[in-house]
Amino acid sequence: MTYLYTMTVARIFEALGEPSRRQIVAFLAAGESPVADIASQFNASGPAVSQHLKVLREAGLVSVRKEGRRRIYALRPAALVEAASWLVGMTGG
């Protein structure tokens, strides 16, 4: 169980290692948003933002749902809590 937890946390930190992904996470902290709105906030193409969102989704940091033809992304705070808990555990707290 510890190994899976460590692998999950590793994926979260790996995904957050890229500045654009951290910006997307910060943007989604304000609420869910469609891809087009996320892309309009950054100096990046739609496909580039979609690739970042894919990495964030695979790391468990964001979720996606379909609404008609749009894909709506939302932050998954539980993933951040998991990473934060791991960090606190490293400090003995």
Protein backbone atom coordinates (compact mmCIF):
# COMPACT_ATOMS: atom_id res chain seq x y z
CA MET A 1 0.00 0.00 0.00
CA THR A 2 2.80 2.40 0.80
CA TYR A 3 4.34 1.79 -2.63
CA LEU A 4 1.12 2.72 -4.45
CA TYR A 5 0.74 5.80 -2.29
CA THR A 6 4.31 6.84 -3.09
CA MET A 7 3.75 6.28 -6.82
CA THR A 8 0.59 8.39 -6.69
CA VAL A 9 2.37 11.21 -4.89
CA ALA A 10 5.28 10.96 -7.32
CA ARG A 11 2.90 11.41 -10.28
CA ILE A 12 1.34 14.45 -8.62
CA PHE A 13 4.70 16.11 -8.02
CA GLU A 14 5.89 15.21 -11.51
CA ALA A 15 2.80 16.80 -13.06
CA LEU A 16 3.19 19.92 -10.93
CA GLY A 17 6.86 20.22 -11.89
CA GLU A 18 5.90 22.05 -15.09
CA PRO A 19 5.06 25.75 -14.59
CA SER A 20 2.15 25.80 -17.07
CA ARG A 21 0.49 22.94 -15.23
CA ARG A 22 0.84 24.74 -11.92
CA GLN A 23 -0.82 27.77 -13.51
CA ILE A 24 -3.68 25.61 -14.79
CA VAL A 25 -4.16 24.10 -11.32
CA ALA A 26 -4.21 27.60 -9.80
CA PHE A 27 -6.74 28.72 -12.42
CA LEU A 28 -8.99 25.71 -11.75
CA ALA A 29 -8.83 26.37 -7.99
CA ALA A 30 -11.31 29.19 -8.68
CA GLY A 31 -13.80 26.77 -10.25
CA GLU A 32 -14.40 24.37 -13.11
CA SER A 33 -13.84 25.55 -16.65
CA PRO A 34 -14.04 24.36 -20.27
CA VAL A 35 -10.81 23.81 -22.20
CA ALA A 36 -11.37 26.88 -24.39
CA ASP A 37 -11.58 29.15 -21.34
CA ILE A 38 -8.46 27.60 -19.83
CA ALA A 39 -6.54 28.03 -23.08
CA SER A 40 -7.62 31.68 -23.36
CA GLN A 41 -5.93 32.40 -20.01
CA PHE A 42 -2.52 31.24 -21.17
CA ASN A 43 -0.27 32.00 -24.09
CA ALA A 44 -0.61 28.46 -25.44
CA SER A 45 -2.49 26.66 -28.16
CA GLY A 46 -5.56 24.57 -27.44
CA PRO A 47 -3.69 21.33 -28.19
CA ALA A 48 -0.86 22.32 -25.83
CA VAL A 49 -3.33 23.06 -23.03
CA SER A 50 -5.13 19.79 -23.76
CA GLN A 51 -1.83 17.92 -23.38
CA HIS A 52 -1.17 19.60 -20.03
CA LEU A 53 -4.70 18.74 -18.91
CA LYS A 54 -4.14 15.12 -19.92
CA VAL A 55 -1.04 14.93 -17.70
CA LEU A 56 -2.92 16.57 -14.82
CA ARG A 57 -5.85 14.17 -15.30
CA GLU A 58 -3.59 11.11 -15.36
CA ALA A 59 -1.94 12.33 -12.14
CA GLY A 60 -5.39 12.62 -10.54
CA LEU A 61 -5.19 16.40 -10.11
CA VAL A 62 -8.14 17.26 -12.33
CA SER A 63 -11.33 15.57 -13.43
CA VAL A 64 -13.22 16.04 -16.67
CA ARG A 65 -16.86 15.71 -17.65
CA LYS A 66 -18.63 16.15 -20.93
CA GLU A 67 -21.28 18.81 -21.30
CA GLY A 68 -22.60 18.58 -24.83
CA ARG A 69 -19.56 18.97 -27.06
CA ARG A 70 -17.50 20.69 -24.38
CA ARG A 71 -15.17 19.13 -21.84
CA ILE A 72 -15.34 20.76 -18.44
CA TYR A 73 -12.31 20.41 -16.16
CA ALA A 74 -12.31 20.70 -12.38
CA LEU A 75 -9.60 20.57 -9.76
CA ARG A 76 -9.54 17.46 -7.54
CA PRO A 77 -8.54 18.91 -4.16
CA ALA A 78 -8.14 15.41 -2.70
CA ALA A 79 -5.01 14.90 -4.80
CA LEU A 80 -3.47 18.06 -3.38
CA VAL A 81 -4.41 16.95 0.13
CA GLU A 82 -2.74 13.60 -0.50
CA ALA A 83 0.48 15.28 -1.64
CA ALA A 84 0.37 17.71 1.29
CA SER A 85 -0.17 14.84 3.73
CA TRP A 86 2.85 13.07 2.33
CA LEU A 87 4.94 16.23 2.78
CA VAL A 88 3.75 16.65 6.36
CA GLY A 89 4.61 13.00 6.99
CA MET A 90 8.16 13.68 5.84
CA THR A 91 8.52 16.30 8.56
CA GLY A 92 7.29 13.93 11.24
CA GLY A 93 4.18 16.09 11.74
